[in-house]
Amino acid sequence: MLGSMDIVAFVPTRSREKARPFYEKTIGLRFVSDDQFALVFDANGATIRVVDVSSVPAFQPAPFTILGWSVDDIGKTVKALQKKGVKFERYPGMQQDQFGVWSSPSGAKVAWFKDPDGNVLSVTE
């Protein structure tokens, strides 16, 4: 039933003022709208709602990836994001290259970074 429907992704933020420039300018999503509940972005046809959770007193970002992108060239993508100030995460026990890219046993290459709220995002080749 839902397999043929469009996905809408939700990402929490405590600071809309920091989230908008990050998602729009730093990582390059197309800004669609801003309402009282969320900033709305288009990510290559997928809707991402960056939802205001500033009224949730105990909000903590998840310690795992909540949103990721499949990219053609992870090295090129990581370098471009680094030039825009994105810092890539390093995790103990994971063999990551000098750019923070981990090669999984399946051959996929993954790099993780955080948004201004500490949400973990990723790029995968």
PDB file of N, CA and C in Angstrom:
ATOM      1  N   MET A   1       0.813  -1.199   0.000  1.00  0.00           N
ATOM      2  CA  MET A   1       0.000   0.000   0.000  1.00  0.00           C
ATOM      3  C   MET A   1       0.859   1.268   0.000  1.00  0.00           C
ATOM      4  N   LEU A   2       1.801   1.391   0.954  1.00  0.00           N
ATOM      5  CA  LEU A   2       2.619   2.602   1.007  1.00  0.00           C
ATOM      6  C   LEU A   2       3.872   2.499   0.150  1.00  0.00           C
ATOM      7  N   GLY A   3       4.149   1.321  -0.394  1.00  0.00           N
ATOM      8  CA  GLY A   3       5.351   1.128  -1.197  1.00  0.00           C
ATOM      9  C   GLY A   3       5.428   2.000  -2.432  1.00  0.00           C
ATOM     10  N   SER A   4       4.303   2.484  -2.899  1.00  0.00           N
ATOM     11  CA  SER A   4       4.303   3.340  -4.090  1.00  0.00           C
ATOM     12  C   SER A   4       4.060   4.812  -3.752  1.00  0.00           C
ATOM     13  N   MET A   5       4.073   5.128  -2.472  1.00  0.00           N
ATOM     14  CA  MET A   5       3.840   6.500  -2.022  1.00  0.00           C
ATOM     15  C   MET A   5       5.166   7.212  -1.757  1.00  0.00           C
ATOM     16  N   ASP A   6       5.138   8.527  -1.803  1.00  0.00           N
ATOM     17  CA  ASP A   6       6.333   9.322  -1.523  1.00  0.00           C
ATOM     18  C   ASP A   6       6.655   9.310  -0.030  1.00  0.00           C
ATOM     19  N   ILE A   7       7.937   9.299   0.271  1.00  0.00           N
ATOM     20  CA  ILE A   7       8.433   9.347   1.648  1.00  0.00           C
ATOM     21  C   ILE A   7       8.520  10.805   2.104  1.00  0.00           C
ATOM     22  N   VAL A   8       8.194  11.036   3.361  1.00  0.00           N
ATOM     23  CA  VAL A   8       8.440  12.309   4.027  1.00  0.00           C
ATOM     24  C   VAL A   8       9.323  11.990   5.231  1.00  0.00           C
ATOM     25  N   ALA A   9      10.493  12.610   5.293  1.00  0.00           N
ATOM     26  CA  ALA A   9      11.418  12.379   6.405  1.00  0.00           C
ATOM     27  C   ALA A   9      11.276  13.508   7.421  1.00  0.00           C
ATOM     28  N   PHE A  10      11.468  13.168   8.691  1.00  0.00           N
ATOM     29  CA  PHE A  10      11.372  14.145   9.779  1.00  0.00           C
ATOM     30  C   PHE A  10      12.696  14.184  10.538  1.00  0.00           C
ATOM     31  N   VAL A  11      13.204  15.397  10.739  1.00  0.00           N
ATOM     32  CA  VAL A  11      14.453  15.605  11.467  1.00  0.00           C
ATOM     33  C   VAL A  11      14.166  16.638  12.555  1.00  0.00           C
ATOM     34  N   PRO A  12      14.512  16.345  13.815  1.00  0.00           N
ATOM     35  CA  PRO A  12      14.246  17.308  14.880  1.00  0.00           C
ATOM     36  C   PRO A  12      15.282  18.421  14.932  1.00  0.00           C
ATOM     37  N   THR A  13      14.819  19.608  15.346  1.00  0.00           N
ATOM     38  CA  THR A  13      15.747  20.718  15.586  1.00  0.00           C
ATOM     39  C   THR A  13      15.281  21.519  16.797  1.00  0.00           C
ATOM     40  N   ARG A  14      16.246  21.998  17.554  1.00  0.00           N
ATOM     41  CA  ARG A  14      15.975  22.923  18.652  1.00  0.00           C
ATOM     42  C   ARG A  14      16.211  24.354  18.202  1.00  0.00           C
ATOM     43  N   SER A  15      16.841  24.525  17.032  1.00  0.00           N
ATOM     44  CA  SER A  15      17.181  25.865  16.559  1.00  0.00           C
ATOM     45  C   SER A  15      16.932  25.979  15.057  1.00  0.00           C
ATOM     46  N   ARG A  16      15.767  26.487  14.709  1.00  0.00           N
ATOM     47  CA  ARG A  16      15.436  26.691  13.302  1.00  0.00           C
ATOM     48  C   ARG A  16      16.432  27.655  12.648  1.00  0.00           C
ATOM     49  N   GLU A  17      16.923  28.610  13.442  1.00  0.00           N
ATOM     50  CA  GLU A  17      17.850  29.626  12.923  1.00  0.00           C
ATOM     51  C   GLU A  17      19.178  29.011  12.492  1.00  0.00           C
ATOM     52  N   LYS A  18      19.603  27.940  13.139  1.00  0.00           N
ATOM     53  CA  LYS A  18      20.824  27.245  12.744  1.00  0.00           C
ATOM     54  C   LYS A  18      20.540  26.166  11.703  1.00  0.00           C
ATOM     55  N   ALA A  19      19.379  25.538  11.823  1.00  0.00           N
ATOM     56  CA  ALA A  19      19.041  24.430  10.919  1.00  0.00           C
ATOM     57  C   ALA A  19      18.857  24.896   9.475  1.00  0.00           C
ATOM     58  N   ARG A  20      18.167  25.992   9.273  1.00  0.00           N
ATOM     59  CA  ARG A  20      17.892  26.407   7.891  1.00  0.00           C
ATOM     60  C   ARG A  20      19.159  26.636   7.085  1.00  0.00           C
ATOM     61  N   PRO A  21      20.112  27.450   7.545  1.00  0.00           N
ATOM     62  CA  PRO A  21      21.316  27.628   6.726  1.00  0.00           C
ATOM     63  C   PRO A  21      22.106  26.336   6.539  1.00  0.00           C
ATOM     64  N   PHE A  22      22.107  25.458   7.548  1.00  0.00           N
ATOM     65  CA  PHE A  22      22.829  24.195   7.405  1.00  0.00           C
ATOM     66  C   PHE A  22      22.209  23.351   6.291  1.00  0.00           C
ATOM     67  N   TYR A  23      20.925  23.120   6.366  1.00  0.00           N
ATOM     68  CA  TYR A  23      20.276  22.252   5.380  1.00  0.00           C
ATOM     69  C   TYR A  23      20.191  22.906   3.999  1.00  0.00           C
ATOM     70  N   GLU A  24      20.004  24.215   3.965  1.00  0.00           N
ATOM     71  CA  GLU A  24      19.868  24.904   2.680  1.00  0.00           C
ATOM     72  C   GLU A  24      21.220  25.249   2.050  1.00  0.00           C
ATOM     73  N   LYS A  25      22.082  25.895   2.782  1.00  0.00           N
ATOM     74  CA  LYS A  25      23.337  26.395   2.213  1.00  0.00           C
ATOM     75  C   LYS A  25      24.484  25.393   2.323  1.00  0.00           C
ATOM     76  N   THR A  26      24.628  24.767   3.486  1.00  0.00           N
ATOM     77  CA  THR A  26      25.771  23.883   3.694  1.00  0.00           C
ATOM     78  C   THR A  26      25.625  22.580   2.920  1.00  0.00           C
ATOM     79  N   ILE A  27      24.471  21.905   3.083  1.00  0.00           N
ATOM     80  CA  ILE A  27      24.351  20.625   2.379  1.00  0.00           C
ATOM     81  C   ILE A  27      23.529  20.720   1.091  1.00  0.00           C
ATOM     82  N   GLY A  28      22.937  21.875   0.825  1.00  0.00           N
ATOM     83  CA  GLY A  28      22.375  22.136  -0.493  1.00  0.00           C
ATOM     84  C   GLY A  28      20.972  21.626  -0.791  1.00  0.00           C
ATOM     85  N   LEU A  29      20.127  21.496   0.243  1.00  0.00           N
ATOM     86  CA  LEU A  29      18.741  21.115  -0.030  1.00  0.00           C
ATOM     87  C   LEU A  29      17.951  22.349  -0.458  1.00  0.00           C
ATOM     88  N   ARG A  30      16.943  22.132  -1.276  1.00  0.00           N
ATOM     89  CA  ARG A  30      16.119  23.258  -1.742  1.00  0.00           C
ATOM     90  C   ARG A  30      15.079  23.592  -0.679  1.00  0.00           C
ATOM     91  N   PHE A  31      15.106  24.837  -0.192  1.00  0.00           N
ATOM     92  CA  PHE A  31      14.132  25.301   0.792  1.00  0.00           C
ATOM     93  C   PHE A  31      12.775  25.436   0.120  1.00  0.00           C
ATOM     94  N   VAL A  32      11.740  24.909   0.764  1.00  0.00           N
ATOM     95  CA  VAL A  32      10.382  24.958   0.222  1.00  0.00           C
ATOM     96  C   VAL A  32       9.515  25.922   1.019  1.00  0.00           C
ATOM     97  N   SER A  33       9.488  25.747   2.352  1.00  0.00           N
ATOM     98  CA  SER A  33       8.627  26.609   3.163  1.00  0.00           C
ATOM     99  C   SER A  33       9.021  26.556   4.631  1.00  0.00           C
ATOM    100  N   ASP A  34       8.436  27.488   5.372  1.00  0.00           N
ATOM    101  CA  ASP A  34       8.647  27.582   6.808  1.00  0.00           C
ATOM    102  C   ASP A  34       7.272  27.850   7.411  1.00  0.00           C
ATOM    103  N   ASP A  35       6.800  26.928   8.252  1.00  0.00           N
ATOM    104  CA  ASP A  35       5.535  27.164   8.939  1.00  0.00           C
ATOM    105  C   ASP A  35       5.788  27.082  10.441  1.00  0.00           C
ATOM    106  N   GLN A  36       4.763  27.160  11.241  1.00  0.00           N
ATOM    107  CA  GLN A  36       4.971  27.185  12.693  1.00  0.00           C
ATOM    108  C   GLN A  36       5.506  25.874  13.254  1.00  0.00           C
ATOM    109  N   PHE A  37       5.461  24.796  12.458  1.00  0.00           N
ATOM    110  CA  PHE A  37       5.892  23.490  12.956  1.00  0.00           C
ATOM    111  C   PHE A  37       7.235  23.026  12.412  1.00  0.00           C
ATOM    112  N   ALA A  38       7.574  23.421  11.174  1.00  0.00           N
ATOM    113  CA  ALA A  38       8.775  22.857  10.556  1.00  0.00           C
ATOM    114  C   ALA A  38       9.291  23.709   9.412  1.00  0.00           C
ATOM    115  N   LEU A  39      10.584  23.528   9.143  1.00  0.00           N
ATOM    116  CA  LEU A  39      11.192  24.000   7.904  1.00  0.00           C
ATOM    117  C   LEU A  39      11.030  22.847   6.922  1.00  0.00           C
ATOM    118  N   VAL A  40      10.634  23.149   5.698  1.00  0.00           N
ATOM    119  CA  VAL A  40      10.411  22.093   4.714  1.00  0.00           C
ATOM    120  C   VAL A  40      11.426  22.248   3.587  1.00  0.00           C
ATOM    121  N   PHE A  41      12.082  21.123   3.252  1.00  0.00           N
ATOM    122  CA  PHE A  41      13.085  21.092   2.199  1.00  0.00           C
ATOM    123  C   PHE A  41      12.751  19.997   1.206  1.00  0.00           C
ATOM    124  N   ASP A  42      13.228  20.191  -0.011  1.00  0.00           N
ATOM    125  CA  ASP A  42      13.138  19.153  -1.044  1.00  0.00           C
ATOM    126  C   ASP A  42      14.537  18.577  -1.229  1.00  0.00           C
ATOM    127  N   ALA A  43      14.626  17.254  -1.128  1.00  0.00           N
ATOM    128  CA  ALA A  43      15.894  16.556  -1.328  1.00  0.00           C
ATOM    129  C   ALA A  43      15.724  15.622  -2.513  1.00  0.00           C
ATOM    130  N   ASN A  44      15.899  16.173  -3.713  1.00  0.00           N
ATOM    131  CA  ASN A  44      15.796  15.377  -4.938  1.00  0.00           C
ATOM    132  C   ASN A  44      14.455  14.651  -5.032  1.00  0.00           C
ATOM    133  N   GLY A  45      13.385  15.357  -4.683  1.00  0.00           N
ATOM    134  CA  GLY A  45      12.043  14.795  -4.771  1.00  0.00           C
ATOM    135  C   GLY A  45      11.493  14.263  -3.467  1.00  0.00           C
ATOM    136  N   ALA A  46      12.322  14.071  -2.470  1.00  0.00           N
ATOM    137  CA  ALA A  46      11.858  13.628  -1.151  1.00  0.00           C
ATOM    138  C   ALA A  46      11.675  14.857  -0.259  1.00  0.00           C
ATOM    139  N   THR A  47      10.606  14.867   0.503  1.00  0.00           N
ATOM    140  CA  THR A  47      10.353  15.968   1.423  1.00  0.00           C
ATOM    141  C   THR A  47      11.027  15.689   2.763  1.00  0.00           C
ATOM    142  N   ILE A  48      11.750  16.684   3.246  1.00  0.00           N
ATOM    143  CA  ILE A  48      12.350  16.605   4.575  1.00  0.00           C
ATOM    144  C   ILE A  48      11.772  17.748   5.399  1.00  0.00           C
ATOM    145  N   ARG A  49      11.117  17.372   6.484  1.00  0.00           N
ATOM    146  CA  ARG A  49      10.563  18.350   7.416  1.00  0.00           C
ATOM    147  C   ARG A  49      11.480  18.425   8.625  1.00  0.00           C
ATOM    148  N   VAL A  50      12.116  19.571   8.816  1.00  0.00           N
ATOM    149  CA  VAL A  50      12.973  19.796   9.966  1.00  0.00           C
ATOM    150  C   VAL A  50      12.064  20.407  11.032  1.00  0.00           C
ATOM    151  N   VAL A  51      11.673  19.551  11.973  1.00  0.00           N
ATOM    152  CA  VAL A  51      10.608  19.843  12.924  1.00  0.00           C
ATOM    153  C   VAL A  51      11.144  20.515  14.181  1.00  0.00           C
ATOM    154  N   ASP A  52      10.472  21.588  14.579  1.00  0.00           N
ATOM    155  CA  ASP A  52      10.857  22.344  15.766  1.00  0.00           C
ATOM    156  C   ASP A  52      10.495  21.559  17.027  1.00  0.00           C
ATOM    157  N   VAL A  53      11.519  21.119  17.763  1.00  0.00           N
ATOM    158  CA  VAL A  53      11.306  20.400  19.023  1.00  0.00           C
ATOM    159  C   VAL A  53      11.818  21.222  20.210  1.00  0.00           C
ATOM    160  N   SER A  54      11.922  22.535  20.017  1.00  0.00           N
ATOM    161  CA  SER A  54      12.465  23.387  21.083  1.00  0.00           C
ATOM    162  C   SER A  54      11.598  23.366  22.330  1.00  0.00           C
ATOM    163  N   SER A  55      10.345  22.988  22.216  1.00  0.00           N
ATOM    164  CA  SER A  55       9.471  22.927  23.389  1.00  0.00           C
ATOM    165  C   SER A  55       9.552  21.581  24.115  1.00  0.00           C
ATOM    166  N   VAL A  56      10.368  20.663  23.611  1.00  0.00           N
ATOM    167  CA  VAL A  56      10.536  19.350  24.253  1.00  0.00           C
ATOM    168  C   VAL A  56      11.738  19.453  25.193  1.00  0.00           C
ATOM    169  N   PRO A  57      11.489  19.560  26.506  1.00  0.00           N
ATOM    170  CA  PRO A  57      12.590  19.841  27.432  1.00  0.00           C
ATOM    171  C   PRO A  57      13.688  18.788  27.472  1.00  0.00           C
ATOM    172  N   ALA A  58      13.369  17.536  27.333  1.00  0.00           N
ATOM    173  CA  ALA A  58      14.374  16.480  27.471  1.00  0.00           C
ATOM    174  C   ALA A  58      14.882  15.969  26.126  1.00  0.00           C
ATOM    175  N   PHE A  59      14.676  16.734  25.056  1.00  0.00           N
ATOM    176  CA  PHE A  59      15.109  16.254  23.740  1.00  0.00           C
ATOM    177  C   PHE A  59      16.607  16.002  23.712  1.00  0.00           C
ATOM    178  N   GLN A  60      16.984  14.844  23.186  1.00  0.00           N
ATOM    179  CA  GLN A  60      18.379  14.497  22.937  1.00  0.00           C
ATOM    180  C   GLN A  60      18.438  13.898  21.535  1.00  0.00           C
ATOM    181  N   PRO A  61      19.423  14.277  20.725  1.00  0.00           N
ATOM    182  CA  PRO A  61      19.526  13.666  19.403  1.00  0.00           C
ATOM    183  C   PRO A  61      19.844  12.183  19.519  1.00  0.00           C
ATOM    184  N   ALA A  62      19.355  11.410  18.559  1.00  0.00           N
ATOM    185  CA  ALA A  62      19.638   9.971  18.540  1.00  0.00           C
ATOM    186  C   ALA A  62      21.130   9.749  18.316  1.00  0.00           C
ATOM    187  N   PRO A  63      21.710   8.700  18.914  1.00  0.00           N
ATOM    188  CA  PRO A  63      23.141   8.443  18.754  1.00  0.00           C
ATOM    189  C   PRO A  63      23.473   7.650  17.487  1.00  0.00           C
ATOM    190  N   PHE A  64      22.528   7.535  16.584  1.00  0.00           N
ATOM    191  CA  PHE A  64      22.720   6.766  15.351  1.00  0.00           C
ATOM    192  C   PHE A  64      22.225   7.587  14.165  1.00  0.00           C
ATOM    193  N   THR A  65      22.503   7.123  12.971  1.00  0.00           N
ATOM    194  CA  THR A  65      22.129   7.844  11.751  1.00  0.00           C
ATOM    195  C   THR A  65      20.613   7.951  11.633  1.00  0.00           C
ATOM    196  N   ILE A  66      20.127   9.180  11.403  1.00  0.00           N
ATOM    197  CA  ILE A  66      18.689   9.356  11.210  1.00  0.00           C
ATOM    198  C   ILE A  66      18.339   9.742   9.768  1.00  0.00           C
ATOM    199  N   LEU A  67      19.348  10.141   8.995  1.00  0.00           N
ATOM    200  CA  LEU A  67      19.099  10.564   7.617  1.00  0.00           C
ATOM    201  C   LEU A  67      20.390  10.398   6.834  1.00  0.00           C
ATOM    202  N   GLY A  68      20.288   9.850   5.638  1.00  0.00           N
ATOM    203  CA  GLY A  68      21.489   9.644   4.841  1.00  0.00           C
ATOM    204  C   GLY A  68      21.223   9.782   3.361  1.00  0.00           C
ATOM    205  N   TRP A  69      22.286   9.985   2.619  1.00  0.00           N
ATOM    206  CA  TRP A  69      22.208  10.144   1.178  1.00  0.00           C
ATOM    207  C   TRP A  69      23.117   9.141   0.489  1.00  0.00           C
ATOM    208  N   SER A  70      22.653   8.605  -0.619  1.00  0.00           N
ATOM    209  CA  SER A  70      23.460   7.752  -1.477  1.00  0.00           C
ATOM    210  C   SER A  70      24.146   8.665  -2.479  1.00  0.00           C
ATOM    211  N   VAL A  71      25.468   8.582  -2.559  1.00  0.00           N
ATOM    212  CA  VAL A  71      26.229   9.466  -3.438  1.00  0.00           C
ATOM    213  C   VAL A  71      27.056   8.655  -4.426  1.00  0.00           C
ATOM    214  N   ASP A  72      27.376   9.261  -5.559  1.00  0.00           N
ATOM    215  CA  ASP A  72      28.156   8.581  -6.592  1.00  0.00           C
ATOM    216  C   ASP A  72      29.640   8.496  -6.253  1.00  0.00           C
ATOM    217  N   ASP A  73      30.160   9.538  -5.602  1.00  0.00           N
ATOM    218  CA  ASP A  73      31.586   9.607  -5.303  1.00  0.00           C
ATOM    219  C   ASP A  73      31.756  10.153  -3.892  1.00  0.00           C
ATOM    220  N   ILE A  74      31.947   9.253  -2.938  1.00  0.00           N
ATOM    221  CA  ILE A  74      31.998   9.675  -1.533  1.00  0.00           C
ATOM    222  C   ILE A  74      33.192  10.589  -1.246  1.00  0.00           C
ATOM    223  N   GLY A  75      34.326  10.328  -1.880  1.00  0.00           N
ATOM    224  CA  GLY A  75      35.494  11.184  -1.667  1.00  0.00           C
ATOM    225  C   GLY A  75      35.224  12.615  -2.086  1.00  0.00           C
ATOM    226  N   LYS A  76      34.661  12.778  -3.246  1.00  0.00           N
ATOM    227  CA  LYS A  76      34.337  14.108  -3.763  1.00  0.00           C
ATOM    228  C   LYS A  76      33.294  14.799  -2.877  1.00  0.00           C
ATOM    229  N   THR A  77      32.285  14.037  -2.441  1.00  0.00           N
ATOM    230  CA  THR A  77      31.230  14.596  -1.595  1.00  0.00           C
ATOM    231  C   THR A  77      31.776  15.028  -0.250  1.00  0.00           C
ATOM    232  N   VAL A  78      32.580  14.183   0.382  1.00  0.00           N
ATOM    233  CA  VAL A  78      33.161  14.508   1.687  1.00  0.00           C
ATOM    234  C   VAL A  78      34.034  15.754   1.580  1.00  0.00           C
ATOM    235  N   LYS A  79      34.866  15.826   0.575  1.00  0.00           N
ATOM    236  CA  LYS A  79      35.741  16.995   0.412  1.00  0.00           C
ATOM    237  C   LYS A  79      34.926  18.270   0.203  1.00  0.00           C
ATOM    238  N   ALA A  80      33.858  18.193  -0.591  1.00  0.00           N
ATOM    239  CA  ALA A  80      33.014  19.366  -0.837  1.00  0.00           C
ATOM    240  C   ALA A  80      32.313  19.817   0.443  1.00  0.00           C
ATOM    241  N   LEU A  81      31.837  18.865   1.230  1.00  0.00           N
ATOM    242  CA  LEU A  81      31.184  19.219   2.491  1.00  0.00           C
ATOM    243  C   LEU A  81      32.191  19.778   3.491  1.00  0.00           C
ATOM    244  N   GLN A  82      33.392  19.221   3.515  1.00  0.00           N
ATOM    245  CA  GLN A  82      34.425  19.748   4.410  1.00  0.00           C
ATOM    246  C   GLN A  82      34.751  21.200   4.075  1.00  0.00           C
ATOM    247  N   LYS A  83      34.775  21.531   2.796  1.00  0.00           N
ATOM    248  CA  LYS A  83      35.045  22.914   2.391  1.00  0.00           C
ATOM    249  C   LYS A  83      33.969  23.868   2.894  1.00  0.00           C
ATOM    250  N   LYS A  84      32.768  23.329   3.150  1.00  0.00           N
ATOM    251  CA  LYS A  84      31.667  24.145   3.671  1.00  0.00           C
ATOM    252  C   LYS A  84      31.601  24.101   5.197  1.00  0.00           C
ATOM    253  N   GLY A  85      32.616  23.506   5.818  1.00  0.00           N
ATOM    254  CA  GLY A  85      32.702  23.501   7.271  1.00  0.00           C
ATOM    255  C   GLY A  85      32.166  22.263   7.969  1.00  0.00           C
ATOM    256  N   VAL A  86      31.728  21.257   7.209  1.00  0.00           N
ATOM    257  CA  VAL A  86      31.214  20.031   7.823  1.00  0.00           C
ATOM    258  C   VAL A  86      32.383  19.215   8.374  1.00  0.00           C
ATOM    259  N   LYS A  87      32.234  18.760   9.609  1.00  0.00           N
ATOM    260  CA  LYS A  87      33.244  17.919  10.246  1.00  0.00           C
ATOM    261  C   LYS A  87      32.720  16.489  10.273  1.00  0.00           C
ATOM    262  N   PHE A  88      33.528  15.559   9.831  1.00  0.00           N
ATOM    263  CA  PHE A  88      33.117  14.162   9.787  1.00  0.00           C
ATOM    264  C   PHE A  88      33.502  13.458  11.071  1.00  0.00           C
ATOM    265  N   GLU A  89      32.617  12.585  11.505  1.00  0.00           N
ATOM    266  CA  GLU A  89      32.767  11.879  12.771  1.00  0.00           C
ATOM    267  C   GLU A  89      33.753  10.724  12.647  1.00  0.00           C
ATOM    268  N   ARG A  90      34.386  10.439  13.751  1.00  0.00           N
ATOM    269  CA  ARG A  90      35.260   9.271  13.847  1.00  0.00           C
ATOM    270  C   ARG A  90      34.751   8.433  15.001  1.00  0.00           C
ATOM    271  N   TYR A  91      34.683   7.134  14.777  1.00  0.00           N
ATOM    272  CA  TYR A  91      34.146   6.225  15.777  1.00  0.00           C
ATOM    273  C   TYR A  91      35.200   5.204  16.188  1.00  0.00           C
ATOM    274  N   PRO A  92      35.378   5.004  17.502  1.00  0.00           N
ATOM    275  CA  PRO A  92      36.359   4.038  17.997  1.00  0.00           C
ATOM    276  C   PRO A  92      36.069   2.635  17.460  1.00  0.00           C
ATOM    277  N   GLY A  93      37.123   1.952  17.087  1.00  0.00           N
ATOM    278  CA  GLY A  93      36.983   0.583  16.616  1.00  0.00           C
ATOM    279  C   GLY A  93      36.632   0.443  15.151  1.00  0.00           C
ATOM    280  N   MET A  94      36.435   1.560  14.455  1.00  0.00           N
ATOM    281  CA  MET A  94      36.114   1.519  13.027  1.00  0.00           C
ATOM    282  C   MET A  94      37.321   2.019  12.244  1.00  0.00           C
ATOM    283  N   GLN A  95      37.721   1.284  11.254  1.00  0.00           N
ATOM    284  CA  GLN A  95      38.840   1.679  10.402  1.00  0.00           C
ATOM    285  C   GLN A  95      38.344   2.704   9.376  1.00  0.00           C
ATOM    286  N   GLN A  96      38.557   3.976   9.658  1.00  0.00           N
ATOM    287  CA  GLN A  96      38.148   5.053   8.764  1.00  0.00           C
ATOM    288  C   GLN A  96      39.386   5.675   8.137  1.00  0.00           C
ATOM    289  N   ASP A  97      39.258   6.095   6.887  1.00  0.00           N
ATOM    290  CA  ASP A  97      40.403   6.711   6.220  1.00  0.00           C
ATOM    291  C   ASP A  97      40.610   8.137   6.719  1.00  0.00           C
ATOM    292  N   GLN A  98      41.552   8.852   6.111  1.00  0.00           N
ATOM    293  CA  GLN A  98      41.902  10.200   6.565  1.00  0.00           C
ATOM    294  C   GLN A  98      40.745  11.187   6.462  1.00  0.00           C
ATOM    295  N   PHE A  99      39.713  10.848   5.683  1.00  0.00           N
ATOM    296  CA  PHE A  99      38.556  11.733   5.536  1.00  0.00           C
ATOM    297  C   PHE A  99      37.385  11.302   6.412  1.00  0.00           C
ATOM    298  N   GLY A 100      37.547  10.198   7.143  1.00  0.00           N
ATOM    299  CA  GLY A 100      36.473   9.694   7.991  1.00  0.00           C
ATOM    300  C   GLY A 100      35.591   8.674   7.305  1.00  0.00           C
ATOM    301  N   VAL A 101      36.004   8.190   6.140  1.00  0.00           N
ATOM    302  CA  VAL A 101      35.205   7.222   5.379  1.00  0.00           C
ATOM    303  C   VAL A 101      35.529   5.809   5.851  1.00  0.00           C
ATOM    304  N   TRP A 102      34.486   5.050   6.152  1.00  0.00           N
ATOM    305  CA  TRP A 102      34.605   3.654   6.572  1.00  0.00           C
ATOM    306  C   TRP A 102      34.188   2.752   5.420  1.00  0.00           C
ATOM    307  N   SER A 103      34.942   1.724   5.149  1.00  0.00           N
ATOM    308  CA  SER A 103      34.592   0.728   4.136  1.00  0.00           C
ATOM    309  C   SER A 103      33.986  -0.472   4.844  1.00  0.00           C
ATOM    310  N   SER A 104      32.708  -0.729   4.571  1.00  0.00           N
ATOM    311  CA  SER A 104      32.001  -1.832   5.226  1.00  0.00           C
ATOM    312  C   SER A 104      32.401  -3.164   4.606  1.00  0.00           C
ATOM    313  N   PRO A 105      32.118  -4.284   5.284  1.00  0.00           N
ATOM    314  CA  PRO A 105      32.427  -5.598   4.716  1.00  0.00           C
ATOM    315  C   PRO A 105      31.747  -5.845   3.364  1.00  0.00           C
ATOM    316  N   SER A 106      30.606  -5.199   3.115  1.00  0.00           N
ATOM    317  CA  SER A 106      29.895  -5.378   1.836  1.00  0.00           C
ATOM    318  C   SER A 106      30.530  -4.576   0.709  1.00  0.00           C
ATOM    319  N   GLY A 107      31.438  -3.664   1.073  1.00  0.00           N
ATOM    320  CA  GLY A 107      32.068  -2.811   0.073  1.00  0.00           C
ATOM    321  C   GLY A 107      31.519  -1.398   0.043  1.00  0.00           C
ATOM    322  N   ALA A 108      30.400  -1.171   0.739  1.00  0.00           N
ATOM    323  CA  ALA A 108      29.848   0.193   0.812  1.00  0.00           C
ATOM    324  C   ALA A 108      30.813   1.080   1.591  1.00  0.00           C
ATOM    325  N   LYS A 109      30.885   2.330   1.188  1.00  0.00           N
ATOM    326  CA  LYS A 109      31.706   3.313   1.887  1.00  0.00           C
ATOM    327  C   LYS A 109      30.763   4.318   2.544  1.00  0.00           C
ATOM    328  N   VAL A 110      31.015   4.599   3.828  1.00  0.00           N
ATOM    329  CA  VAL A 110      30.115   5.450   4.606  1.00  0.00           C
ATOM    330  C   VAL A 110      30.916   6.486   5.377  1.00  0.00           C
ATOM    331  N   ALA A 111      30.372   7.701   5.448  1.00  0.00           N
ATOM    332  CA  ALA A 111      30.946   8.750   6.287  1.00  0.00           C
ATOM    333  C   ALA A 111      29.796   9.444   7.015  1.00  0.00           C
ATOM    334  N   TRP A 112      30.039   9.775   8.281  1.00  0.00           N
ATOM    335  CA  TRP A 112      29.004  10.363   9.124  1.00  0.00           C
ATOM    336  C   TRP A 112      29.383  11.784   9.521  1.00  0.00           C
ATOM    337  N   PHE A 113      28.352  12.620   9.675  1.00  0.00           N
ATOM    338  CA  PHE A 113      28.535  13.983  10.149  1.00  0.00           C
ATOM    339  C   PHE A 113      27.289  14.385  10.920  1.00  0.00           C
ATOM    340  N   LYS A 114      27.369  15.496  11.634  1.00  0.00           N
ATOM    341  CA  LYS A 114      26.237  15.938  12.449  1.00  0.00           C
ATOM    342  C   LYS A 114      25.727  17.288  11.979  1.00  0.00           C
ATOM    343  N   ASP A 115      24.427  17.480  12.161  1.00  0.00           N
ATOM    344  CA  ASP A 115      23.833  18.787  11.891  1.00  0.00           C
ATOM    345  C   ASP A 115      24.021  19.644  13.140  1.00  0.00           C
ATOM    346  N   PRO A 116      23.582  20.913  13.125  1.00  0.00           N
ATOM    347  CA  PRO A 116      23.802  21.783  14.289  1.00  0.00           C
ATOM    348  C   PRO A 116      23.172  21.281  15.593  1.00  0.00           C
ATOM    349  N   ASP A 117      22.170  20.402  15.506  1.00  0.00           N
ATOM    350  CA  ASP A 117      21.534  19.860  16.697  1.00  0.00           C
ATOM    351  C   ASP A 117      22.179  18.585  17.197  1.00  0.00           C
ATOM    352  N   GLY A 118      23.165  18.073  16.461  1.00  0.00           N
ATOM    353  CA  GLY A 118      23.820  16.833  16.851  1.00  0.00           C
ATOM    354  C   GLY A 118      23.177  15.594  16.253  1.00  0.00           C
ATOM    355  N   ASN A 119      22.223  15.760  15.340  1.00  0.00           N
ATOM    356  CA  ASN A 119      21.640  14.612  14.637  1.00  0.00           C
ATOM    357  C   ASN A 119      22.697  14.026  13.721  1.00  0.00           C
ATOM    358  N   VAL A 120      22.806  12.704  13.713  1.00  0.00           N
ATOM    359  CA  VAL A 120      23.814  12.028  12.885  1.00  0.00           C
ATOM    360  C   VAL A 120      23.236  11.821  11.488  1.00  0.00           C
ATOM    361  N   LEU A 121      23.964  12.307  10.493  1.00  0.00           N
ATOM    362  CA  LEU A 121      23.616  12.175   9.087  1.00  0.00           C
ATOM    363  C   LEU A 121      24.748  11.407   8.400  1.00  0.00           C
ATOM    364  N   SER A 122      24.490  10.853   7.214  1.00  0.00           N
ATOM    365  CA  SER A 122      25.542  10.114   6.551  1.00  0.00           C
ATOM    366  C   SER A 122      25.472  10.261   5.039  1.00  0.00           C
ATOM    367  N   VAL A 123      26.602   9.941   4.420  1.00  0.00           N
ATOM    368  CA  VAL A 123      26.668   9.774   2.966  1.00  0.00           C
ATOM    369  C   VAL A 123      27.254   8.386   2.720  1.00  0.00           C
ATOM    370  N   THR A 124      26.715   7.705   1.704  1.00  0.00           N
ATOM    371  CA  THR A 124      27.130   6.330   1.403  1.00  0.00           C
ATOM    372  C   THR A 124      27.343   6.189  -0.086  1.00  0.00           C
ATOM    373  N   GLU A 125      28.437   5.516  -0.445  1.00  0.00           N
ATOM    374  CA  GLU A 125      28.702   5.165  -1.856  1.00  0.00           C
ATOM    375  C   GLU A 125      28.632   3.654  -1.962  1.00  0.00           C
TER     376      GLU A 125
END
